[in-house]
Amino acid sequence: MKYTRAQKAQARLEAQAQLASQSVPDQTSIPIGPNDPTPIFFHREYSPPYGFLSQWFLSPFHDPATATTYNCAEQRMMHAKALLCGDTATARAILASSSPGEQKALGRKVKGWKEWGKEWERVKFETVVQGSWLKFAKGEGWLRERLLATGERELVEASPGDRVWGGGVWGGGGGGEEGGVGDESAGEGVDDCEGED
């Protein structure tokens, strides 16, 4: 079933309101323990209980390095990409957009990519780690609590169509170190910010 943009936006808002009203994530169907090896799979920003881990999850935070408040980590990443490539017009358009999907689409159209693409490849992972750290450490307080509640479990973005930032799969298969099919950089980026203060 295809959903309209309005239906997706409504689902996102309802899921985020539900998450914000909980003091800890609803993990009743997922075994939790100090030595639990089960990875946590997340993908859609509006899908509880782990949608809040997504780069697209709307949770404003301020980045003092750019003196900018971003509406989600995806916006920060795409803005950084545009600035690195010297495309200030696209950088402004990314900041003007409230939609993570539109922000990503704009990021794919950044001018100057031929000259700066290799440099972006070198810094993109650190850019995601920094954005995740800002989101969880300096953003809405309940997000950090939820992230820390995941413990030592591996966080895997299970995006079926993204073999760079996601595991290239959906749900309970693939990703991570054992038999994964993608780089799974987004989950690692969130994992990397857990212990930083």
Protein backbone atom coordinates (compact mmCIF):
# COMPACT_ATOMS: atom_id res chain seq x y z
CA MET A 1 0.00 0.00 0.00
CA LYS A 2 1.34 3.43 -0.93
CA TYR A 3 0.88 6.24 1.55
CA THR A 4 0.49 9.89 0.71
CA ARG A 5 2.97 12.43 2.00
CA ALA A 6 0.30 13.72 4.42
CA GLN A 7 -0.37 10.19 5.75
CA LYS A 8 3.37 9.64 6.30
CA ALA A 9 3.70 13.00 8.07
CA GLN A 10 0.72 12.21 10.30
CA ALA A 11 2.13 8.75 11.16
CA ARG A 12 5.48 10.34 11.98
CA LEU A 13 3.89 12.91 14.29
CA GLU A 14 1.75 10.28 16.07
CA ALA A 15 4.72 7.94 16.58
CA GLN A 16 6.89 10.77 17.88
CA ALA A 17 4.15 11.88 20.29
CA GLN A 18 3.82 8.29 21.51
CA LEU A 19 7.58 7.98 21.99
CA ALA A 20 7.83 11.31 23.80
CA SER A 21 5.14 10.23 26.27
CA GLN A 22 7.03 7.07 27.28
CA SER A 23 9.82 7.22 29.84
CA VAL A 24 11.65 4.27 28.26
CA PRO A 25 11.23 2.52 24.93
CA ASP A 26 8.61 -0.19 24.61
CA GLN A 27 10.88 -3.21 24.44
CA THR A 28 8.48 -5.88 25.70
CA SER A 29 8.79 -8.04 22.58
CA ILE A 30 12.58 -7.74 22.42
CA PRO A 31 14.76 -9.64 24.93
CA ILE A 32 16.95 -7.26 26.88
CA GLY A 33 19.85 -8.24 29.06
CA PRO A 34 23.36 -7.08 29.86
CA ASN A 35 24.85 -9.67 27.50
CA ASP A 36 22.06 -9.73 24.92
CA PRO A 37 23.69 -10.15 21.49
CA THR A 38 20.51 -9.29 19.56
CA PRO A 39 21.03 -6.19 17.41
CA ILE A 40 18.47 -3.42 17.46
CA PHE A 41 17.14 -2.82 13.96
CA PHE A 42 15.68 0.54 13.05
CA HIS A 43 14.72 2.23 9.82
CA ARG A 44 11.60 4.39 9.59
CA GLU A 45 11.66 7.45 11.81
CA TYR A 46 8.00 7.00 12.67
CA SER A 47 8.21 3.29 13.61
CA PRO A 48 8.35 2.61 17.36
CA PRO A 49 10.13 1.57 19.38
CA TYR A 50 13.42 2.52 17.71
CA GLY A 51 12.45 5.04 15.03
CA PHE A 52 14.01 7.76 17.18
CA LEU A 53 17.45 6.40 16.15
CA SER A 54 16.84 7.40 12.52
CA GLN A 55 18.63 10.38 10.97
CA TRP A 56 15.17 11.45 9.77
CA PHE A 57 13.57 11.54 13.24
CA LEU A 58 12.41 15.11 13.82
CA SER A 59 14.17 16.29 16.97
CA PRO A 60 15.61 19.81 16.91
CA PHE A 61 19.12 20.47 18.17
CA HIS A 62 21.58 23.35 17.93
CA ASP A 63 25.06 23.06 16.46
CA PRO A 64 27.31 25.76 17.93
CA ALA A 65 29.93 25.17 15.20
CA THR A 66 27.54 26.44 12.52
CA ALA A 67 25.32 28.53 14.83
CA THR A 68 22.40 26.64 13.32
CA THR A 69 19.42 24.78 14.75
CA TYR A 70 18.57 21.69 12.72
CA ASN A 71 15.25 19.86 12.73
CA CYS A 72 16.90 16.44 12.39
CA ALA A 73 20.32 14.84 11.93
CA GLU A 74 19.66 14.34 8.19
CA GLN A 75 19.31 18.09 7.74
CA ARG A 76 22.65 18.67 9.46
CA MET A 77 24.39 16.04 7.32
CA MET A 78 23.04 17.40 4.02
CA HIS A 79 23.78 20.99 5.07
CA ALA A 80 27.37 20.01 5.90
CA LYS A 81 27.72 18.31 2.50
CA ALA A 82 26.48 21.40 0.66
CA LEU A 83 28.76 23.70 2.65
CA LEU A 84 31.79 21.47 2.06
CA CYS A 85 31.13 21.59 -1.70
CA GLY A 86 30.68 25.37 -1.60
CA ASP A 87 27.04 25.20 -2.73
CA THR A 88 25.53 27.88 -0.52
CA ALA A 89 22.27 28.04 -2.49
CA THR A 90 21.55 24.36 -1.85
CA ALA A 91 22.72 24.74 1.77
CA ARG A 92 20.09 27.48 2.25
CA ALA A 93 17.41 25.33 0.57
CA ILE A 94 18.24 22.43 2.88
CA LEU A 95 17.84 24.68 5.92
CA ALA A 96 14.56 26.04 4.56
CA SER A 97 13.11 22.54 4.18
CA SER A 98 11.30 20.83 7.06
CA SER A 99 11.20 17.45 5.26
CA PRO A 100 14.07 14.98 5.73
CA GLY A 101 13.19 13.38 2.38
CA GLU A 102 13.43 16.72 0.61
CA GLN A 103 16.68 17.50 2.47
CA LYS A 104 18.17 14.22 1.22
CA ALA A 105 17.00 14.92 -2.33
CA LEU A 106 18.60 18.37 -2.20
CA GLY A 107 21.80 16.83 -0.82
CA ARG A 108 21.96 14.55 -3.85
CA LYS A 109 21.91 17.61 -6.13
CA VAL A 110 24.77 19.49 -4.47
CA LYS A 111 26.89 21.35 -7.00
CA GLY A 112 30.66 21.03 -6.77
CA TRP A 113 30.49 17.28 -6.21
CA LYS A 114 33.18 16.51 -8.83
CA GLU A 115 35.70 18.68 -6.99
CA TRP A 116 34.68 17.80 -3.43
CA GLY A 117 33.25 14.27 -3.62
CA LYS A 118 36.43 12.54 -2.40
CA GLU A 119 36.68 14.91 0.54
CA TRP A 120 33.02 14.23 1.45
CA GLU A 121 33.70 10.49 1.36
CA ARG A 122 36.55 11.09 3.81
CA VAL A 123 34.52 13.17 6.31
CA LYS A 124 30.94 11.91 5.96
CA PHE A 125 31.10 9.29 8.72
CA GLU A 126 32.51 11.77 11.25
CA THR A 127 29.81 14.24 10.14
CA VAL A 128 27.12 11.67 11.01
CA VAL A 129 28.77 10.88 14.37
CA GLN A 130 28.91 14.59 15.24
CA GLY A 131 25.28 15.07 14.22
CA SER A 132 24.18 12.04 16.24
CA TRP A 133 26.09 13.29 19.26
CA LEU A 134 24.42 16.70 19.02
CA LYS A 135 21.00 15.09 18.56
CA PHE A 136 21.31 12.83 21.60
CA ALA A 137 23.48 14.96 23.91
CA LYS A 138 22.20 18.46 23.20
CA GLY A 139 18.72 17.82 21.79
CA GLU A 140 15.57 16.68 23.56
CA GLY A 141 16.53 15.06 26.88
CA TRP A 142 14.39 11.95 26.52
CA LEU A 143 16.34 10.94 23.38
CA ARG A 144 19.57 10.44 25.32
CA GLU A 145 17.73 8.36 27.94
CA ARG A 146 16.33 6.14 25.18
CA LEU A 147 19.68 5.77 23.47
CA LEU A 148 21.39 4.77 26.71
CA ALA A 149 18.59 2.25 27.38
CA THR A 150 19.77 0.29 24.32
CA GLY A 151 22.84 -0.70 26.35
CA GLU A 152 25.67 -2.39 24.52
CA ARG A 153 23.48 -3.80 21.77
CA GLU A 154 24.55 -3.16 18.19
CA LEU A 155 22.38 -0.55 16.44
CA VAL A 156 21.64 -1.42 12.83
CA GLU A 157 19.86 0.84 10.37
CA ALA A 158 17.99 -1.79 8.39
CA SER A 159 17.34 0.21 5.25
CA PRO A 160 16.52 -2.15 2.41
CA GLY A 161 17.75 0.15 -0.33
CA ASP A 162 20.77 1.80 1.23
CA ARG A 163 23.99 -0.19 1.31
CA VAL A 164 26.11 2.72 2.57
CA TRP A 165 24.19 4.14 5.53
CA GLY A 166 21.93 1.16 6.08
CA GLY A 167 22.46 -2.57 6.20
CA GLY A 168 20.78 -3.04 2.83
CA VAL A 169 18.12 -5.22 4.48
CA TRP A 170 14.92 -4.79 6.43
CA GLY A 171 14.01 -6.21 9.81
CA GLY A 172 15.81 -9.05 11.47
CA GLY A 173 18.34 -10.07 8.87
CA GLY A 174 21.75 -8.91 7.81
CA GLY A 175 23.59 -5.82 8.88
CA GLY A 176 26.36 -5.70 11.40
CA GLU A 177 29.56 -7.69 11.38
CA GLU A 178 28.21 -11.18 10.77
CA GLY A 179 26.91 -11.68 7.26
CA GLY A 180 25.77 -8.11 6.71
CA VAL A 181 25.32 -6.90 3.18
CA GLY A 182 25.89 -3.17 3.64
CA ASP A 183 28.28 -0.79 5.38
CA GLU A 184 25.61 0.11 7.97
CA SER A 185 27.33 3.42 8.73
CA ALA A 186 24.30 5.20 10.23
CA GLY A 187 23.86 2.63 13.01
CA GLU A 188 27.57 2.72 13.73
CA GLY A 189 27.40 6.52 13.84
CA VAL A 190 24.70 6.37 16.52
CA ASP A 191 26.61 3.63 18.38
CA ASP A 192 29.75 5.77 18.37
CA CYS A 193 28.04 8.70 20.09
CA GLU A 194 26.62 6.64 22.99
CA GLY A 195 29.67 6.91 25.22
CA GLU A 196 30.66 10.47 24.40
CA ASP A 197 29.86 13.37 26.71
